[in-house]
Amino acid sequence: HEREHDHEISELAAKHAEEMEKLRAELKEEQRHLLDELRQQMAATHRAEHEQAQLQSQTLHSLELEALRLTLNNMHTSQLELTQTNLRKEKETALMELREM
């Protein structure tokens, strides 16, 4: 009777060990799967942050170019106004000289 009892205990222990091993394997697989997902999410986040930084850099560059364009445009306008003023003064001087003749 005791031998039968020992045999049952031995079988239960073997079954228990087998189930524990199966659970360990399942947990390991689940952990691997979750780690893979986490790695993919981190890579996607990294790519998105990199794209965002590139976009900000391009936007900044575009704004700097636009600021330069506007500055040059203003300088050109000022130069034209100055030339116009000088021509007007020269014309007035020439007219005064003609009147004095």
Protein backbone atom coordinates (compact mmCIF):
# COMPACT_ATOMS: atom_id res chain seq x y z
CA HIS A 1 0.00 0.00 0.00
CA GLU A 2 2.83 2.36 0.87
CA ARG A 3 4.62 1.56 -2.36
CA GLU A 4 1.46 2.49 -4.27
CA HIS A 5 1.29 5.74 -2.31
CA ASP A 6 4.95 6.51 -3.08
CA HIS A 7 4.27 5.76 -6.75
CA GLU A 8 1.32 8.20 -6.79
CA ILE A 9 3.43 10.88 -5.09
CA SER A 10 6.21 10.25 -7.59
CA GLU A 11 3.77 10.53 -10.51
CA LEU A 12 2.26 13.73 -9.06
CA ALA A 13 5.72 15.20 -8.54
CA ALA A 14 6.69 14.34 -12.13
CA LYS A 15 3.42 15.84 -13.43
CA HIS A 16 3.98 18.93 -11.31
CA ALA A 17 7.55 19.31 -12.59
CA GLU A 18 6.32 18.88 -16.16
CA GLU A 19 3.60 21.51 -15.70
CA MET A 20 6.07 23.90 -14.05
CA GLU A 21 8.46 23.45 -16.99
CA LYS A 22 5.61 24.09 -19.42
CA LEU A 23 4.60 27.24 -17.52
CA ARG A 24 8.22 28.44 -17.46
CA ALA A 25 8.47 27.95 -21.22
CA GLU A 26 5.17 29.82 -21.79
CA LEU A 27 6.27 32.68 -19.52
CA LYS A 28 9.64 32.86 -21.27
CA GLU A 29 7.91 33.00 -24.66
CA GLU A 30 5.49 35.69 -23.45
CA GLN A 31 8.39 37.70 -22.02
CA ARG A 32 10.29 37.42 -25.32
CA HIS A 33 7.20 38.55 -27.22
CA LEU A 34 6.68 41.54 -24.90
CA LEU A 35 10.35 42.52 -25.18
CA ASP A 36 10.11 42.36 -28.99
CA GLU A 37 7.03 44.59 -28.90
CA LEU A 38 8.77 47.03 -26.58
CA ARG A 39 11.83 47.14 -28.86
CA GLN A 40 9.60 47.83 -31.87
CA GLN A 41 7.75 50.60 -30.04
CA MET A 42 11.02 52.18 -28.92
CA ALA A 43 12.39 52.03 -32.47
CA ALA A 44 9.19 53.61 -33.82
CA THR A 45 9.36 56.34 -31.17
CA HIS A 46 13.01 56.97 -32.03
CA ARG A 47 12.18 57.24 -35.74
CA ALA A 48 9.30 59.64 -35.03
CA GLU A 49 11.50 61.82 -32.82
CA HIS A 50 14.22 61.84 -35.48
CA GLU A 51 11.71 62.84 -38.19
CA GLN A 52 10.33 65.57 -35.91
CA ALA A 53 13.84 66.94 -35.32
CA GLN A 54 14.56 66.91 -39.06
CA LEU A 55 11.29 68.70 -39.78
CA GLN A 56 12.05 71.34 -37.14
CA SER A 57 15.52 71.81 -38.62
CA GLN A 58 14.10 72.19 -42.14
CA THR A 59 11.46 74.63 -40.89
CA LEU A 60 14.11 76.68 -39.11
CA HIS A 61 16.25 76.69 -42.25
CA SER A 62 13.27 77.83 -44.35
CA LEU A 63 12.52 80.61 -41.88
CA GLU A 64 16.14 81.75 -41.92
CA LEU A 65 16.13 81.82 -45.73
CA GLU A 66 12.87 83.79 -45.75
CA ALA A 67 14.33 86.27 -43.23
CA LEU A 68 17.39 86.72 -45.48
CA ARG A 69 15.17 87.21 -48.53
CA LEU A 70 13.12 89.86 -46.73
CA THR A 71 16.26 91.62 -45.50
CA LEU A 72 17.71 91.72 -49.02
CA ASN A 73 14.36 92.90 -50.37
CA ASN A 74 14.27 95.73 -47.80
CA MET A 75 17.86 96.70 -48.59
CA HIS A 76 17.05 96.77 -52.30
CA THR A 77 13.96 98.90 -51.68
CA SER A 78 16.00 101.33 -49.55
CA GLN A 79 18.66 101.50 -52.26
CA LEU A 80 15.98 102.28 -54.88
CA GLU A 81 14.46 104.98 -52.67
CA LEU A 82 17.89 106.52 -52.10
CA THR A 83 18.65 106.48 -55.84
CA GLN A 84 15.25 108.06 -56.52
CA THR A 85 15.93 110.80 -53.96
CA ASN A 86 19.38 111.48 -55.44
CA LEU A 87 17.93 111.69 -58.96
CA ARG A 88 15.25 114.09 -57.75
CA LYS A 89 17.91 116.29 -56.11
CA GLU A 90 20.05 116.24 -59.26
CA LYS A 91 16.99 117.16 -61.35
CA GLU A 92 16.14 120.05 -59.01
CA THR A 93 19.76 121.26 -59.09
CA ALA A 94 19.82 121.08 -62.90
CA LEU A 95 16.51 123.00 -63.12
CA MET A 96 17.85 125.68 -60.74
CA GLU A 97 20.99 126.00 -62.86
CA LEU A 98 18.88 126.33 -66.03
CA ARG A 99 16.72 129.05 -64.44
CA GLU A 100 19.81 130.98 -63.40
CA MET A 101 21.09 131.11 -66.99
